[in-house]
C-alpha atoms as a PDB file:
ATOM      1  CA  MET A   1     -15.733  24.090 -50.347  1.00  0.00           C
ATOM      2  CA  ILE A   2     -14.170  24.186 -53.808  1.00  0.00           C
ATOM      3  CA  VAL A   3     -10.779  23.156 -52.420  1.00  0.00           C
ATOM      4  CA  VAL A   4     -12.309  20.067 -50.778  1.00  0.00           C
ATOM      5  CA  ARG A   5     -14.059  19.071 -53.998  1.00  0.00           C
ATOM      6  CA  ILE A   6     -10.792  19.248 -55.915  1.00  0.00           C
ATOM      7  CA  ILE A   7      -8.409  17.686 -53.373  1.00  0.00           C
ATOM      8  CA  PHE A   8     -10.607  14.773 -52.324  1.00  0.00           C
ATOM      9  CA  PRO A   9     -10.920  13.166 -55.797  1.00  0.00           C
ATOM     10  CA  PHE A  10      -7.175  13.551 -56.393  1.00  0.00           C
ATOM     11  CA  SER A  11      -6.332  11.886 -53.078  1.00  0.00           C
ATOM     12  CA  LEU A  12      -8.650   8.988 -53.924  1.00  0.00           C
ATOM     13  CA  ALA A  13      -7.068   8.583 -57.343  1.00  0.00           C
ATOM     14  CA  ALA A  14      -3.563   8.692 -55.868  1.00  0.00           C
ATOM     15  CA  ALA A  15      -4.459   6.055 -53.275  1.00  0.00           C
ATOM     16  CA  GLN A  16      -5.740   3.721 -55.980  1.00  0.00           C
ATOM     17  CA  ILE A  17      -2.788   4.226 -58.335  1.00  0.00           C
ATOM     18  CA  ALA A  18       0.033   4.027 -55.739  1.00  0.00           C
ATOM     19  CA  PRO A  19       0.004   0.220 -55.292  1.00  0.00           C
ATOM     20  CA  LEU A  20       0.053  -0.275 -59.054  1.00  0.00           C
ATOM     21  CA  VAL A  21       3.010   2.065 -59.556  1.00  0.00           C
ATOM     22  CA  ALA A  22       4.965   0.640 -56.606  1.00  0.00           C
ATOM     23  CA  GLY A  23       4.699  -2.927 -57.866  1.00  0.00           C
ATOM     24  CA  ALA A  24       5.160  -2.194 -61.585  1.00  0.00           C
ATOM     25  CA  GLY A  25       8.951  -2.408 -61.802  1.00  0.00           C
ATOM     26  CA  CYS A  26       9.703  -4.748 -58.922  1.00  0.00           C
ATOM     27  CA  LYS A  27       9.287  -8.451 -58.716  1.00  0.00           C
ATOM     28  CA  ALA A  28       8.034  -9.511 -55.316  1.00  0.00           C
ATOM     29  CA  LYS A  29      10.503 -11.691 -53.438  1.00  0.00           C
ATOM     30  CA  PRO A  30       9.046 -14.647 -51.597  1.00  0.00           C
ATOM     31  CA  GLN A  31       9.152 -14.132 -47.846  1.00  0.00           C
ATOM     32  CA  ALA A  32      10.631 -16.785 -45.628  1.00  0.00           C
ATOM     33  CA  GLN A  33       7.939 -18.544 -43.663  1.00  0.00           C
ATOM     34  CA  ALA A  34       8.544 -19.287 -40.005  1.00  0.00           C
ATOM     35  CA  GLY A  35       8.693 -23.044 -39.858  1.00  0.00           C
ATOM     36  CA  PRO A  36       8.724 -25.398 -36.913  1.00  0.00           C
ATOM     37  CA  SER A  37      12.512 -25.251 -36.654  1.00  0.00           C
ATOM     38  CA  SER A  38      12.800 -21.456 -36.779  1.00  0.00           C
ATOM     39  CA  GLN A  39      14.090 -19.573 -33.766  1.00  0.00           C
ATOM     40  CA  PRO A  40      12.700 -16.047 -34.171  1.00  0.00           C
ATOM     41  CA  PHE A  41      13.653 -14.538 -30.821  1.00  0.00           C
ATOM     42  CA  GLY A  42      17.351 -14.316 -30.017  1.00  0.00           C
ATOM     43  CA  GLY A  43      18.076 -17.918 -30.964  1.00  0.00           C
ATOM     44  CA  VAL A  44      15.544 -19.265 -28.446  1.00  0.00           C
ATOM     45  CA  ASP A  45      12.849 -21.697 -29.562  1.00  0.00           C
ATOM     46  CA  VAL A  46       9.851 -19.930 -28.034  1.00  0.00           C
ATOM     47  CA  ARG A  47       7.623 -22.994 -28.401  1.00  0.00           C
ATOM     48  CA  THR A  48       9.495 -24.910 -25.696  1.00  0.00           C
ATOM     49  CA  GLN A  49      11.490 -22.359 -23.684  1.00  0.00           C
ATOM     50  CA  VAL A  50      10.808 -19.087 -21.945  1.00  0.00           C
ATOM     51  CA  TYR A  51      13.166 -16.218 -22.614  1.00  0.00           C
ATOM     52  CA  SER A  52      13.327 -13.633 -19.845  1.00  0.00           C
ATOM     53  CA  GLU A  53      15.221 -10.363 -19.762  1.00  0.00           C
ATOM     54  CA  GLU A  54      15.420  -7.511 -17.222  1.00  0.00           C
ATOM     55  CA  LYS A  55      17.126  -4.178 -17.715  1.00  0.00           C
ATOM     56  CA  PRO A  56      17.352  -1.488 -15.036  1.00  0.00           C
ATOM     57  CA  LEU A  57      15.790   1.818 -16.035  1.00  0.00           C
ATOM     58  CA  HIS A  58      17.813   4.892 -15.257  1.00  0.00           C
ATOM     59  CA  VAL A  59      14.810   7.007 -14.332  1.00  0.00           C
ATOM     60  CA  GLN A  60      14.584   8.082 -10.716  1.00  0.00           C
ATOM     61  CA  GLN A  61      11.381   6.966  -8.989  1.00  0.00           C
ATOM     62  CA  SER A  62       9.838   9.372  -6.531  1.00  0.00           C
ATOM     63  CA  SER A  63       6.844   9.722  -4.268  1.00  0.00           C
ATOM     64  CA  VAL A  64       3.599  11.050  -5.690  1.00  0.00           C
ATOM     65  CA  ALA A  65       1.296  13.399  -3.794  1.00  0.00           C
ATOM     66  CA  VAL A  66      -2.086  11.763  -4.405  1.00  0.00           C
ATOM     67  CA  THR A  67      -3.914  14.551  -2.571  1.00  0.00           C
ATOM     68  CA  GLN A  68      -2.953  17.596  -0.546  1.00  0.00           C
ATOM     69  CA  GLY A  69      -4.560  20.606   1.051  1.00  0.00           C
ATOM     70  CA  PRO A  70      -6.471  21.522   4.204  1.00  0.00           C
ATOM     71  CA  THR A  71      -8.321  18.902   6.215  1.00  0.00           C
ATOM     72  CA  PRO A  72     -10.369  16.836   5.745  1.00  0.00           C
ATOM     73  CA  LEU A  73      -8.375  14.824   3.192  1.00  0.00           C
ATOM     74  CA  VAL A  74      -9.570  11.449   1.930  1.00  0.00           C
ATOM     75  CA  TYR A  75      -8.023   9.120  -0.651  1.00  0.00           C
ATOM     76  CA  LEU A  76      -9.018   5.601  -1.751  1.00  0.00           C
ATOM     77  CA  PHE A  77      -6.061   3.407  -2.743  1.00  0.00           C
ATOM     78  CA  ASP A  78      -7.322   0.797  -5.213  1.00  0.00           C
ATOM     79  CA  LEU A  79      -4.100  -1.242  -5.106  1.00  0.00           C
ATOM     80  CA  PRO A  80      -1.697  -2.123  -2.291  1.00  0.00           C
ATOM     81  CA  ALA A  81       0.579   0.841  -1.630  1.00  0.00           C
ATOM     82  CA  THR A  82       3.164   2.405   0.639  1.00  0.00           C
ATOM     83  CA  VAL A  83       1.730   5.665   1.993  1.00  0.00           C
ATOM     84  CA  ARG A  84       3.026   8.601   3.989  1.00  0.00           C
ATOM     85  CA  VAL A  85       1.223  11.604   5.462  1.00  0.00           C
ATOM     86  CA  VAL A  86       3.141  14.879   5.705  1.00  0.00           C
ATOM     87  CA  ASP A  87       2.251  18.134   7.459  1.00  0.00           C
ATOM     88  CA  LEU A  88       3.092  20.527   4.619  1.00  0.00           C
ATOM     89  CA  THR A  89       2.862  23.594   6.866  1.00  0.00           C
ATOM     90  CA  SER A  90       5.563  22.424   9.289  1.00  0.00           C
ATOM     91  CA  GLY A  91       7.354  20.107   6.807  1.00  0.00           C
ATOM     92  CA  SER A  92       7.272  17.113   9.158  1.00  0.00           C
ATOM     93  CA  ALA A  93       6.168  13.564   8.413  1.00  0.00           C
ATOM     94  CA  ILE A  94       3.221  12.656  10.630  1.00  0.00           C
ATOM     95  CA  LEU A  95       2.802   9.092   9.377  1.00  0.00           C
ATOM     96  CA  PRO A  96       6.010   7.380   8.204  1.00  0.00           C
ATOM     97  CA  ALA A  97       5.948   4.972   5.250  1.00  0.00           C
ATOM     98  CA  THR A  98       3.223   2.417   5.946  1.00  0.00           C
ATOM     99  CA  GLU A  99       2.152  -0.559   3.821  1.00  0.00           C
ATOM    100  CA  ILE A 100      -1.587  -0.756   3.160  1.00  0.00           C
ATOM    101  CA  LEU A 101      -3.805  -3.227   1.317  1.00  0.00           C
ATOM    102  CA  GLY A 102      -5.764  -2.435  -1.813  1.00  0.00           C
ATOM    103  CA  ARG A 103      -9.231  -0.880  -1.521  1.00  0.00           C
ATOM    104  CA  THR A 104      -8.177   1.064   1.592  1.00  0.00           C
ATOM    105  CA  ILE A 105      -9.247   4.596   2.482  1.00  0.00           C
ATOM    106  CA  VAL A 106      -6.728   6.968   4.096  1.00  0.00           C
ATOM    107  CA  ARG A 107      -8.286   9.936   5.934  1.00  0.00           C
ATOM    108  CA  VAL A 108      -6.730  12.971   7.581  1.00  0.00           C
ATOM    109  CA  ASP A 109      -8.896  15.283   9.674  1.00  0.00           C
ATOM    110  CA  ASP A 110      -8.281  17.744  12.512  1.00  0.00           C
ATOM    111  CA  ARG A 111     -10.485  16.034  15.089  1.00  0.00           C
ATOM    112  CA  ASN A 112      -9.706  12.315  14.556  1.00  0.00           C
ATOM    113  CA  GLY A 113      -6.140  12.486  13.194  1.00  0.00           C
ATOM    114  CA  ILE A 114      -5.079   9.880  10.605  1.00  0.00           C
ATOM    115  CA  THR A 115      -7.265   6.877   9.902  1.00  0.00           C
ATOM    116  CA  ILE A 116      -6.369   3.972   7.598  1.00  0.00           C
ATOM    117  CA  GLY A 117      -9.397   1.847   6.790  1.00  0.00           C
ATOM    118  CA  GLN A 118     -11.283   1.459  10.081  1.00  0.00           C
ATOM    119  CA  LYS A 119      -8.203   1.848  12.314  1.00  0.00           C
ATOM    120  CA  ASN A 120      -7.190   5.210  13.765  1.00  0.00           C
ATOM    121  CA  ILE A 121      -3.381   5.200  13.407  1.00  0.00           C
ATOM    122  CA  ILE A 122      -2.503   8.700  14.679  1.00  0.00           C
ATOM    123  CA  PRO A 123      -5.136   9.996  17.100  1.00  0.00           C
ATOM    124  CA  GLY A 124      -6.201  13.634  16.855  1.00  0.00           C
ATOM    125  CA  PRO A 125      -6.543  16.413  17.296  1.00  0.00           C
ATOM    126  CA  LEU A 126      -4.169  17.710  14.618  1.00  0.00           C
ATOM    127  CA  PRO A 127      -3.125  21.377  14.499  1.00  0.00           C
ATOM    128  CA  ALA A 128      -5.963  23.413  13.000  1.00  0.00           C
ATOM    129  CA  GLY A 129      -5.373  25.313   9.769  1.00  0.00           C
ATOM    130  CA  HIS A 130      -2.406  23.212   8.594  1.00  0.00           C
ATOM    131  CA  GLN A 131      -2.009  21.831   5.061  1.00  0.00           C
ATOM    132  CA  TYR A 132      -1.413  18.090   4.701  1.00  0.00           C
ATOM    133  CA  GLY A 133      -0.355  15.747   1.928  1.00  0.00           C
ATOM    134  CA  ILE A 134      -0.982  12.030   1.385  1.00  0.00           C
ATOM    135  CA  TYR A 135       1.891  10.497  -0.597  1.00  0.00           C
ATOM    136  CA  SER A 136       2.261   7.159  -2.374  1.00  0.00           C
ATOM    137  CA  ASP A 137       5.835   5.847  -2.422  1.00  0.00           C
ATOM    138  CA  PRO A 138       7.213   3.531  -5.147  1.00  0.00           C
ATOM    139  CA  ARG A 139       6.934  -0.178  -4.282  1.00  0.00           C
ATOM    140  CA  THR A 140       8.518  -1.961  -7.224  1.00  0.00           C
ATOM    141  CA  PRO A 141      12.014  -2.018  -8.676  1.00  0.00           C
ATOM    142  CA  ASN A 142      12.532   0.298 -11.619  1.00  0.00           C
ATOM    143  CA  VAL A 143      13.245  -2.303 -14.310  1.00  0.00           C
ATOM    144  CA  LEU A 144      12.032  -3.146 -17.783  1.00  0.00           C
ATOM    145  CA  ARG A 145      11.052  -6.806 -17.909  1.00  0.00           C
ATOM    146  CA  ARG A 146      10.355  -8.827 -21.047  1.00  0.00           C
ATOM    147  CA  ASP A 147       9.278 -12.469 -21.164  1.00  0.00           C
ATOM    148  CA  VAL A 148       8.752 -14.421 -24.381  1.00  0.00           C
ATOM    149  CA  GLY A 149       7.536 -17.985 -24.509  1.00  0.00           C
ATOM    150  CA  PRO A 150       4.629 -20.293 -25.087  1.00  0.00           C
ATOM    151  CA  PRO A 151       1.213 -18.958 -24.102  1.00  0.00           C
ATOM    152  CA  GLY A 152       0.242 -19.625 -20.522  1.00  0.00           C
ATOM    153  CA  GLU A 153       3.741 -20.052 -19.123  1.00  0.00           C
ATOM    154  CA  VAL A 154       5.296 -17.395 -16.930  1.00  0.00           C
ATOM    155  CA  SER A 155       8.840 -17.453 -15.661  1.00  0.00           C
ATOM    156  CA  PRO A 156       9.098 -17.731 -11.844  1.00  0.00           C
ATOM    157  CA  ARG A 157       9.984 -14.534  -9.970  1.00  0.00           C
END
């Protein structure tokens, strides 16, 4: 408790004195103001033009196991996705890559097979006692995209 009582007042004093000491020997230089003719972003006037840049990222994208284990398996995909279902026990893909809409439930169970939404895609029965995995595959290119321009305008893609 004594250490806190000693350190706290010193830190307050140092915080109050630091701006005074830093500005004592230096004269502040006026900063250039961005005027109407300035071009702050790579020589592009961002008030009238849109600057767009894409760079490929060198990071390998891979599938993600959203859920795995024994049946029944259920997963709700909030966004559109590419899904696969794999029998982890045998190592075989039961459902190849399939595009689904957002807000879709994917179910795997021994009796009914694989169901996406209300539609039974792979009818059951599935082998009892097997482990399964529901995977989400990447859907977008692996790029870094940057757009700069006036508010409300988006470059066409």
